[in-house]
Amino acid sequence: MADKTDHRRRLARLMAERQAEIGHDWKDIAAAGGISYEALRAVREGEGTPRAKTKLGIDIGLQWEGG
């Protein structure tokens, strides 16, 4: 069974792939999602547990469907 670290690595990889696809830098993605760059960086680095607002902001910033 995958542990939390595996899930966080997978999320970071998927975020990086999507960032490359849309061609925006991380600061623009954070701004588009209405979240701080620091919150976005923390998720990418696997730090802490993101709040619902941060998760939604990531979906919006990366132009992903919610969920």
N, C-alpha and C. Protein backbone atom coordinates (compact mmCIF):
# COMPACT_ATOMS: atom_id res chain seq x y z
N MET A 1 0.84 -1.18 0.00
CA MET A 1 0.00 0.00 0.00
C MET A 1 0.89 1.25 0.00
N ALA A 2 0.51 2.22 -0.79
CA ALA A 2 1.29 3.45 -0.90
C ALA A 2 1.13 4.27 0.37
N ASP A 3 2.22 4.87 0.79
CA ASP A 3 2.14 5.71 1.98
C ASP A 3 1.96 7.17 1.57
N LYS A 4 1.85 8.03 2.58
CA LYS A 4 1.62 9.45 2.35
C LYS A 4 2.72 10.08 1.51
N THR A 5 3.96 9.65 1.73
CA THR A 5 5.09 10.19 0.98
C THR A 5 4.95 9.88 -0.50
N ASP A 6 4.53 8.66 -0.83
CA ASP A 6 4.33 8.29 -2.24
C ASP A 6 3.26 9.17 -2.89
N HIS A 7 2.18 9.42 -2.17
CA HIS A 7 1.11 10.26 -2.71
C HIS A 7 1.59 11.69 -2.94
N ARG A 8 2.39 12.19 -2.01
CA ARG A 8 2.89 13.56 -2.16
C ARG A 8 3.87 13.67 -3.31
N ARG A 9 4.70 12.67 -3.49
CA ARG A 9 5.62 12.67 -4.64
C ARG A 9 4.85 12.63 -5.95
N ARG A 10 3.81 11.80 -5.98
CA ARG A 10 2.99 11.70 -7.20
C ARG A 10 2.31 13.03 -7.50
N LEU A 11 1.76 13.66 -6.46
CA LEU A 11 1.12 14.96 -6.66
C LEU A 11 2.13 15.97 -7.18
N ALA A 12 3.31 16.02 -6.59
CA ALA A 12 4.34 16.96 -7.03
C ALA A 12 4.71 16.71 -8.50
N ARG A 13 4.82 15.44 -8.88
CA ARG A 13 5.14 15.11 -10.28
C ARG A 13 4.03 15.56 -11.21
N LEU A 14 2.77 15.28 -10.84
CA LEU A 14 1.65 15.68 -11.69
C LEU A 14 1.53 17.20 -11.81
N MET A 15 1.80 17.88 -10.70
CA MET A 15 1.77 19.35 -10.73
C MET A 15 2.85 19.88 -11.67
N ALA A 16 4.04 19.32 -11.60
CA ALA A 16 5.14 19.77 -12.47
C ALA A 16 4.83 19.49 -13.94
N GLU A 17 4.23 18.35 -14.21
CA GLU A 17 3.86 18.02 -15.60
C GLU A 17 2.83 19.02 -16.12
N ARG A 18 1.84 19.32 -15.29
CA ARG A 18 0.78 20.25 -15.71
C ARG A 18 1.35 21.66 -15.87
N GLN A 19 2.24 22.05 -14.97
CA GLN A 19 2.87 23.37 -15.07
C GLN A 19 3.61 23.50 -16.39
N ALA A 20 4.31 22.45 -16.79
CA ALA A 20 5.03 22.47 -18.06
C ALA A 20 4.05 22.52 -19.24
N GLU A 21 2.93 21.81 -19.13
CA GLU A 21 1.93 21.80 -20.20
C GLU A 21 1.34 23.19 -20.44
N ILE A 22 1.00 23.88 -19.37
CA ILE A 22 0.35 25.19 -19.54
C ILE A 22 1.36 26.32 -19.71
N GLY A 23 2.61 26.06 -19.36
CA GLY A 23 3.68 27.03 -19.60
C GLY A 23 3.68 28.25 -18.70
N HIS A 24 3.07 28.15 -17.54
CA HIS A 24 3.07 29.27 -16.60
C HIS A 24 4.09 29.02 -15.50
N ASP A 25 4.64 30.11 -14.94
CA ASP A 25 5.55 29.88 -13.82
C ASP A 25 4.72 29.72 -12.54
N TRP A 26 5.38 29.23 -11.49
CA TRP A 26 4.67 28.90 -10.25
C TRP A 26 4.03 30.12 -9.60
N LYS A 27 4.65 31.27 -9.70
CA LYS A 27 4.06 32.48 -9.11
C LYS A 27 2.78 32.87 -9.83
N ASP A 28 2.75 32.72 -11.14
CA ASP A 28 1.53 33.01 -11.90
C ASP A 28 0.44 32.00 -11.58
N ILE A 29 0.81 30.75 -11.40
CA ILE A 29 -0.17 29.71 -11.05
C ILE A 29 -0.78 30.01 -9.68
N ALA A 30 0.06 30.37 -8.72
CA ALA A 30 -0.45 30.72 -7.39
C ALA A 30 -1.40 31.91 -7.47
N ALA A 31 -1.00 32.95 -8.20
CA ALA A 31 -1.83 34.14 -8.32
C ALA A 31 -3.16 33.81 -8.98
N ALA A 32 -3.14 33.01 -10.03
CA ALA A 32 -4.37 32.64 -10.73
C ALA A 32 -5.31 31.86 -9.82
N GLY A 33 -4.73 31.07 -8.91
CA GLY A 33 -5.53 30.28 -7.99
C GLY A 33 -5.92 31.00 -6.71
N GLY A 34 -5.42 32.23 -6.54
CA GLY A 34 -5.76 33.00 -5.36
C GLY A 34 -5.11 32.48 -4.08
N ILE A 35 -3.96 31.85 -4.23
CA ILE A 35 -3.23 31.34 -3.07
C ILE A 35 -1.82 31.93 -3.07
N SER A 36 -1.17 31.85 -1.94
CA SER A 36 0.18 32.38 -1.88
C SER A 36 1.16 31.43 -2.57
N TYR A 37 2.22 32.03 -3.06
CA TYR A 37 3.29 31.22 -3.65
C TYR A 37 3.85 30.26 -2.60
N GLU A 38 3.94 30.73 -1.36
CA GLU A 38 4.49 29.90 -0.28
C GLU A 38 3.62 28.68 -0.03
N ALA A 39 2.30 28.84 -0.09
CA ALA A 39 1.39 27.70 0.10
C ALA A 39 1.56 26.69 -1.04
N LEU A 40 1.68 27.20 -2.25
CA LEU A 40 1.88 26.33 -3.41
C LEU A 40 3.21 25.59 -3.31
N ARG A 41 4.25 26.31 -2.92
CA ARG A 41 5.56 25.69 -2.76
C ARG A 41 5.53 24.59 -1.69
N ALA A 42 4.83 24.85 -0.61
CA ALA A 42 4.75 23.86 0.47
C ALA A 42 4.10 22.57 -0.02
N VAL A 43 3.06 22.68 -0.82
CA VAL A 43 2.41 21.48 -1.37
C VAL A 43 3.38 20.76 -2.30
N ARG A 44 4.05 21.51 -3.15
CA ARG A 44 5.00 20.89 -4.08
C ARG A 44 6.13 20.18 -3.34
N GLU A 45 6.51 20.72 -2.18
CA GLU A 45 7.60 20.14 -1.39
C GLU A 45 7.10 19.07 -0.41
N GLY A 46 5.78 18.83 -0.36
CA GLY A 46 5.23 17.81 0.52
C GLY A 46 5.21 18.22 1.98
N GLU A 47 5.14 19.51 2.24
CA GLU A 47 5.15 20.02 3.61
C GLU A 47 3.72 20.24 4.11
N GLY A 48 3.43 19.73 5.29
CA GLY A 48 2.14 19.96 5.92
C GLY A 48 0.98 19.34 5.15
N THR A 49 -0.21 19.72 5.55
CA THR A 49 -1.44 19.25 4.91
C THR A 49 -2.17 20.46 4.35
N PRO A 50 -2.38 20.50 3.04
CA PRO A 50 -3.03 21.67 2.45
C PRO A 50 -4.49 21.80 2.87
N ARG A 51 -4.91 23.04 3.07
CA ARG A 51 -6.31 23.32 3.39
C ARG A 51 -7.14 23.23 2.11
N ALA A 52 -8.45 23.18 2.29
CA ALA A 52 -9.37 23.08 1.16
C ALA A 52 -9.18 24.25 0.19
N LYS A 53 -8.97 25.47 0.73
CA LYS A 53 -8.77 26.64 -0.13
C LYS A 53 -7.51 26.47 -0.98
N THR A 54 -6.47 25.92 -0.40
CA THR A 54 -5.22 25.71 -1.15
C THR A 54 -5.43 24.67 -2.24
N LYS A 55 -6.11 23.59 -1.91
CA LYS A 55 -6.39 22.55 -2.92
C LYS A 55 -7.18 23.13 -4.08
N LEU A 56 -8.21 23.91 -3.78
CA LEU A 56 -9.01 24.52 -4.83
C LEU A 56 -8.17 25.49 -5.65
N GLY A 57 -7.33 26.28 -4.98
CA GLY A 57 -6.46 27.21 -5.69
C GLY A 57 -5.50 26.52 -6.64
N ILE A 58 -5.01 25.37 -6.23
CA ILE A 58 -4.13 24.59 -7.11
C ILE A 58 -4.89 24.12 -8.33
N ASP A 59 -6.10 23.60 -8.12
CA ASP A 59 -6.92 23.16 -9.25
C ASP A 59 -7.16 24.31 -10.23
N ILE A 60 -7.51 25.48 -9.69
CA ILE A 60 -7.77 26.64 -10.55
C ILE A 60 -6.50 27.11 -11.23
N GLY A 61 -5.44 27.26 -10.48
CA GLY A 61 -4.18 27.75 -11.04
C GLY A 61 -3.60 26.86 -12.11
N LEU A 62 -3.73 25.55 -11.92
CA LEU A 62 -3.22 24.60 -12.90
C LEU A 62 -4.25 24.25 -13.98
N GLN A 63 -5.42 24.90 -13.89
CA GLN A 63 -6.49 24.69 -14.86
C GLN A 63 -6.92 23.23 -14.92
N TRP A 64 -6.97 22.63 -13.73
CA TRP A 64 -7.48 21.26 -13.58
C TRP A 64 -8.95 21.34 -13.21
N GLU A 65 -9.68 20.29 -13.53
CA GLU A 65 -11.05 20.17 -13.02
C GLU A 65 -10.96 19.93 -11.53
N GLY A 66 -11.89 20.47 -10.79
CA GLY A 66 -11.90 20.32 -9.34
C GLY A 66 -11.89 18.86 -8.92
N GLY A 67 -11.25 18.62 -7.78
CA GLY A 67 -11.25 17.27 -7.23
C GLY A 67 -9.89 16.78 -7.07
